[in-house]
Amino acid sequence: MAEPIFACTMKDLQQNGGRKRMTIDGKDIFILLHKGQLYAFDSFCYHAGGPLYQGDIEDTSEYSCIVCPWHKYKLTVQSGEGLYYSVNPQDLKSPPQLCSKGAKQRTHVVTRQEDRLYITFSYTVKPLGTVESDHYNGLLM
């Protein structure tokens, strides 16, 4: 198992509005503090390489999502799962339902030791195969 790598301090994160983008081991990632929880992602959206680190947070009744500013793709902060709303063409009176595209954005493990935050890259913890955002972070070259 890979060793966690120092990323930043909580103070650094809080001074940047709860977000901090950085390069660690050649990978461009960002850490997000949302509702008291820490999350880490590849910085660029799986769809077209948009600056996901600049995306707004949208909370649904079930999920917190980061929304890519380029094409409004929604990704859960917990797992990088792509979400979209879909209607049933046989029942157009029913409201759209939230559906999953599966894991699209690579997320990473963030651990905190006092004021220090560490990243453990998910591909070193338990390889999940590839996800689409790997293309924009040099894993699928």
C-alpha atoms as a PDB file:
ATOM      1  CA  MET A   1       0.000   0.000   0.000  1.00  0.00           C
ATOM      2  CA  ALA A   2       1.274   3.446  -0.897  1.00  0.00           C
ATOM      3  CA  GLU A   3       2.228   5.952   1.731  1.00  0.00           C
ATOM      4  CA  PRO A   4       0.091   9.096   2.060  1.00  0.00           C
ATOM      5  CA  ILE A   5       1.760  12.205   0.613  1.00  0.00           C
ATOM      6  CA  PHE A   6       1.613  15.592   2.332  1.00  0.00           C
ATOM      7  CA  ALA A   7      -0.661  17.946   0.366  1.00  0.00           C
ATOM      8  CA  CYS A   8      -1.310  21.096   2.421  1.00  0.00           C
ATOM      9  CA  THR A   9      -2.508  22.314   5.784  1.00  0.00           C
ATOM     10  CA  MET A  10      -6.116  22.909   6.808  1.00  0.00           C
ATOM     11  CA  LYS A  11      -5.189  26.580   7.109  1.00  0.00           C
ATOM     12  CA  ASP A  12      -4.065  26.612   3.435  1.00  0.00           C
ATOM     13  CA  LEU A  13      -7.339  24.990   2.432  1.00  0.00           C
ATOM     14  CA  GLN A  14      -9.502  27.345   4.477  1.00  0.00           C
ATOM     15  CA  GLN A  15      -7.624  30.420   3.183  1.00  0.00           C
ATOM     16  CA  ASN A  16      -8.528  29.336  -0.350  1.00  0.00           C
ATOM     17  CA  GLY A  17     -12.275  29.098   0.289  1.00  0.00           C
ATOM     18  CA  GLY A  18     -12.215  25.384   1.087  1.00  0.00           C
ATOM     19  CA  ARG A  19     -10.427  24.415  -2.138  1.00  0.00           C
ATOM     20  CA  LYS A  20      -6.802  23.897  -2.964  1.00  0.00           C
ATOM     21  CA  ARG A  21      -5.391  22.868  -6.336  1.00  0.00           C
ATOM     22  CA  MET A  22      -1.894  21.389  -6.476  1.00  0.00           C
ATOM     23  CA  THR A  23       0.442  19.052  -8.317  1.00  0.00           C
ATOM     24  CA  ILE A  24       1.603  16.002  -6.377  1.00  0.00           C
ATOM     25  CA  ASP A  25       3.800  13.348  -7.962  1.00  0.00           C
ATOM     26  CA  GLY A  26       3.057  14.904 -11.357  1.00  0.00           C
ATOM     27  CA  LYS A  27      -0.730  14.640 -10.884  1.00  0.00           C
ATOM     28  CA  ASP A  28      -2.915  17.751 -10.939  1.00  0.00           C
ATOM     29  CA  ILE A  29      -5.474  17.359  -8.144  1.00  0.00           C
ATOM     30  CA  PHE A  30      -7.569  19.486  -5.851  1.00  0.00           C
ATOM     31  CA  ILE A  31      -8.887  19.098  -2.339  1.00  0.00           C
ATOM     32  CA  LEU A  32     -12.365  20.258  -1.414  1.00  0.00           C
ATOM     33  CA  LEU A  33     -13.790  20.923   2.042  1.00  0.00           C
ATOM     34  CA  HIS A  34     -17.578  20.597   1.879  1.00  0.00           C
ATOM     35  CA  LYS A  35     -19.912  20.305   4.863  1.00  0.00           C
ATOM     36  CA  GLY A  36     -16.970  19.448   7.112  1.00  0.00           C
ATOM     37  CA  GLN A  37     -15.785  16.558   4.897  1.00  0.00           C
ATOM     38  CA  LEU A  38     -12.603  16.399   2.828  1.00  0.00           C
ATOM     39  CA  TYR A  39     -12.566  15.173  -0.764  1.00  0.00           C
ATOM     40  CA  ALA A  40      -9.882  15.021  -3.458  1.00  0.00           C
ATOM     41  CA  PHE A  41     -10.266  14.756  -7.235  1.00  0.00           C
ATOM     42  CA  ASP A  42      -8.329  14.954 -10.448  1.00  0.00           C
ATOM     43  CA  SER A  43      -8.510  18.643 -11.381  1.00  0.00           C
ATOM     44  CA  PHE A  44      -9.875  18.257 -14.905  1.00  0.00           C
ATOM     45  CA  CYS A  45     -13.347  16.993 -15.811  1.00  0.00           C
ATOM     46  CA  TYR A  46     -13.586  13.591 -17.436  1.00  0.00           C
ATOM     47  CA  HIS A  47     -15.823  14.880 -20.240  1.00  0.00           C
ATOM     48  CA  ALA A  48     -13.663  17.459 -21.998  1.00  0.00           C
ATOM     49  CA  GLY A  49     -10.934  18.469 -19.557  1.00  0.00           C
ATOM     50  CA  GLY A  50     -12.828  21.416 -18.090  1.00  0.00           C
ATOM     51  CA  PRO A  51     -11.512  23.034 -14.879  1.00  0.00           C
ATOM     52  CA  LEU A  52     -13.493  20.932 -12.411  1.00  0.00           C
ATOM     53  CA  TYR A  53     -11.594  22.584  -9.554  1.00  0.00           C
ATOM     54  CA  GLN A  54     -13.552  25.784 -10.368  1.00  0.00           C
ATOM     55  CA  GLY A  55     -16.961  24.064 -10.370  1.00  0.00           C
ATOM     56  CA  ASP A  56     -19.881  25.002  -8.155  1.00  0.00           C
ATOM     57  CA  ILE A  57     -21.243  22.595  -5.571  1.00  0.00           C
ATOM     58  CA  GLU A  58     -24.841  21.481  -5.989  1.00  0.00           C
ATOM     59  CA  ASP A  59     -26.589  19.556  -3.228  1.00  0.00           C
ATOM     60  CA  THR A  60     -29.493  17.278  -4.128  1.00  0.00           C
ATOM     61  CA  SER A  61     -31.576  15.384  -1.612  1.00  0.00           C
ATOM     62  CA  GLU A  62     -29.217  12.409  -1.982  1.00  0.00           C
ATOM     63  CA  TYR A  63     -25.835  13.725  -3.144  1.00  0.00           C
ATOM     64  CA  SER A  64     -23.409  16.599  -3.092  1.00  0.00           C
ATOM     65  CA  CYS A  65     -22.081  17.175  -6.601  1.00  0.00           C
ATOM     66  CA  ILE A  66     -19.379  19.296  -8.128  1.00  0.00           C
ATOM     67  CA  VAL A  67     -20.575  20.761 -11.420  1.00  0.00           C
ATOM     68  CA  CYS A  68     -18.095  21.275 -14.244  1.00  0.00           C
ATOM     69  CA  PRO A  69     -18.198  24.946 -15.294  1.00  0.00           C
ATOM     70  CA  TRP A  70     -17.803  24.124 -19.008  1.00  0.00           C
ATOM     71  CA  HIS A  71     -20.668  21.712 -19.741  1.00  0.00           C
ATOM     72  CA  LYS A  72     -22.467  21.418 -16.374  1.00  0.00           C
ATOM     73  CA  TYR A  73     -21.663  17.728 -15.876  1.00  0.00           C
ATOM     74  CA  LYS A  74     -22.478  16.683 -12.298  1.00  0.00           C
ATOM     75  CA  LEU A  75     -20.099  14.466 -10.319  1.00  0.00           C
ATOM     76  CA  THR A  76     -20.655  13.212  -6.797  1.00  0.00           C
ATOM     77  CA  VAL A  77     -18.029  14.455  -4.367  1.00  0.00           C
ATOM     78  CA  GLN A  78     -18.026  11.102  -2.584  1.00  0.00           C
ATOM     79  CA  SER A  79     -17.153   8.847  -5.522  1.00  0.00           C
ATOM     80  CA  GLY A  80     -16.788  10.796  -8.778  1.00  0.00           C
ATOM     81  CA  GLU A  81     -19.947   9.162 -10.089  1.00  0.00           C
ATOM     82  CA  GLY A  82     -21.478  10.995 -13.052  1.00  0.00           C
ATOM     83  CA  LEU A  83     -25.137  11.923 -12.575  1.00  0.00           C
ATOM     84  CA  TYR A  84     -27.809  13.143 -14.972  1.00  0.00           C
ATOM     85  CA  TYR A  85     -31.561  13.660 -15.015  1.00  0.00           C
ATOM     86  CA  SER A  86     -33.633  11.451 -17.297  1.00  0.00           C
ATOM     87  CA  VAL A  87     -37.312  11.203 -18.149  1.00  0.00           C
ATOM     88  CA  ASN A  88     -39.289   8.080 -18.930  1.00  0.00           C
ATOM     89  CA  PRO A  89     -40.583   8.559 -22.496  1.00  0.00           C
ATOM     90  CA  GLN A  90     -43.578   6.295 -21.636  1.00  0.00           C
ATOM     91  CA  ASP A  91     -44.531   8.569 -18.733  1.00  0.00           C
ATOM     92  CA  LEU A  92     -43.746  12.181 -19.580  1.00  0.00           C
ATOM     93  CA  LYS A  93     -45.886  13.430 -16.671  1.00  0.00           C
ATOM     94  CA  SER A  94     -43.450  12.012 -14.100  1.00  0.00           C
ATOM     95  CA  PRO A  95     -40.596  14.252 -13.014  1.00  0.00           C
ATOM     96  CA  PRO A  96     -37.083  13.505 -14.287  1.00  0.00           C
ATOM     97  CA  GLN A  97     -35.187  10.938 -12.218  1.00  0.00           C
ATOM     98  CA  LEU A  98     -31.574  11.232 -11.147  1.00  0.00           C
ATOM     99  CA  CYS A  99     -29.552   8.488 -12.875  1.00  0.00           C
ATOM    100  CA  SER A 100     -25.943   7.330 -12.706  1.00  0.00           C
ATOM    101  CA  LYS A 101     -23.339   7.007 -15.450  1.00  0.00           C
ATOM    102  CA  GLY A 102     -21.011   5.185 -13.034  1.00  0.00           C
ATOM    103  CA  ALA A 103     -17.606   6.364 -11.808  1.00  0.00           C
ATOM    104  CA  LYS A 104     -16.234   8.937 -14.255  1.00  0.00           C
ATOM    105  CA  GLN A 105     -13.947  11.168 -12.191  1.00  0.00           C
ATOM    106  CA  ARG A 106     -11.061   9.789 -10.183  1.00  0.00           C
ATOM    107  CA  THR A 107     -11.274  10.605  -6.493  1.00  0.00           C
ATOM    108  CA  HIS A 108      -8.477  10.169  -3.967  1.00  0.00           C
ATOM    109  CA  VAL A 109      -8.247   9.503  -0.249  1.00  0.00           C
ATOM    110  CA  VAL A 110      -7.647  12.517   2.013  1.00  0.00           C
ATOM    111  CA  THR A 111      -6.480  11.967   5.562  1.00  0.00           C
ATOM    112  CA  ARG A 112      -5.978  14.561   8.249  1.00  0.00           C
ATOM    113  CA  GLN A 113      -3.398  14.490  10.994  1.00  0.00           C
ATOM    114  CA  GLU A 114      -3.963  17.549  13.154  1.00  0.00           C
ATOM    115  CA  ASP A 115      -3.601  20.499  10.739  1.00  0.00           C
ATOM    116  CA  ARG A 116      -1.866  18.518   7.972  1.00  0.00           C
ATOM    117  CA  LEU A 117      -3.698  16.950   5.023  1.00  0.00           C
ATOM    118  CA  TYR A 118      -2.346  13.961   3.117  1.00  0.00           C
ATOM    119  CA  ILE A 119      -3.348  12.382  -0.194  1.00  0.00           C
ATOM    120  CA  THR A 120      -3.249   8.721  -1.051  1.00  0.00           C
ATOM    121  CA  PHE A 121      -3.899   8.243  -4.750  1.00  0.00           C
ATOM    122  CA  SER A 122      -6.816   5.892  -5.353  1.00  0.00           C
ATOM    123  CA  TYR A 123      -4.986   3.918  -8.018  1.00  0.00           C
ATOM    124  CA  THR A 124      -2.401   2.952  -5.391  1.00  0.00           C
ATOM    125  CA  VAL A 125      -4.995   1.941  -2.774  1.00  0.00           C
ATOM    126  CA  LYS A 126      -7.262  -0.369  -4.723  1.00  0.00           C
ATOM    127  CA  PRO A 127      -6.995  -0.292  -8.467  1.00  0.00           C
ATOM    128  CA  LEU A 128     -10.440   0.282  -9.919  1.00  0.00           C
ATOM    129  CA  GLY A 129      -9.277  -0.011 -13.479  1.00  0.00           C
ATOM    130  CA  THR A 130      -9.435   3.208 -15.387  1.00  0.00           C
ATOM    131  CA  VAL A 131     -11.933   6.024 -15.187  1.00  0.00           C
ATOM    132  CA  GLU A 132     -12.434   8.619 -17.878  1.00  0.00           C
ATOM    133  CA  SER A 133     -10.704  11.466 -16.025  1.00  0.00           C
ATOM    134  CA  ASP A 134      -7.442   9.467 -16.124  1.00  0.00           C
ATOM    135  CA  HIS A 135      -6.982  10.694 -19.686  1.00  0.00           C
ATOM    136  CA  TYR A 136      -6.567  14.286 -18.486  1.00  0.00           C
ATOM    137  CA  ASN A 137      -4.173  13.412 -15.656  1.00  0.00           C
ATOM    138  CA  GLY A 138      -1.635  11.406 -17.627  1.00  0.00           C
ATOM    139  CA  LEU A 139      -2.752   7.904 -16.617  1.00  0.00           C
ATOM    140  CA  LEU A 140      -4.057   6.939 -20.080  1.00  0.00           C
ATOM    141  CA  MET A 141      -1.380   8.354 -22.340  1.00  0.00           C
END
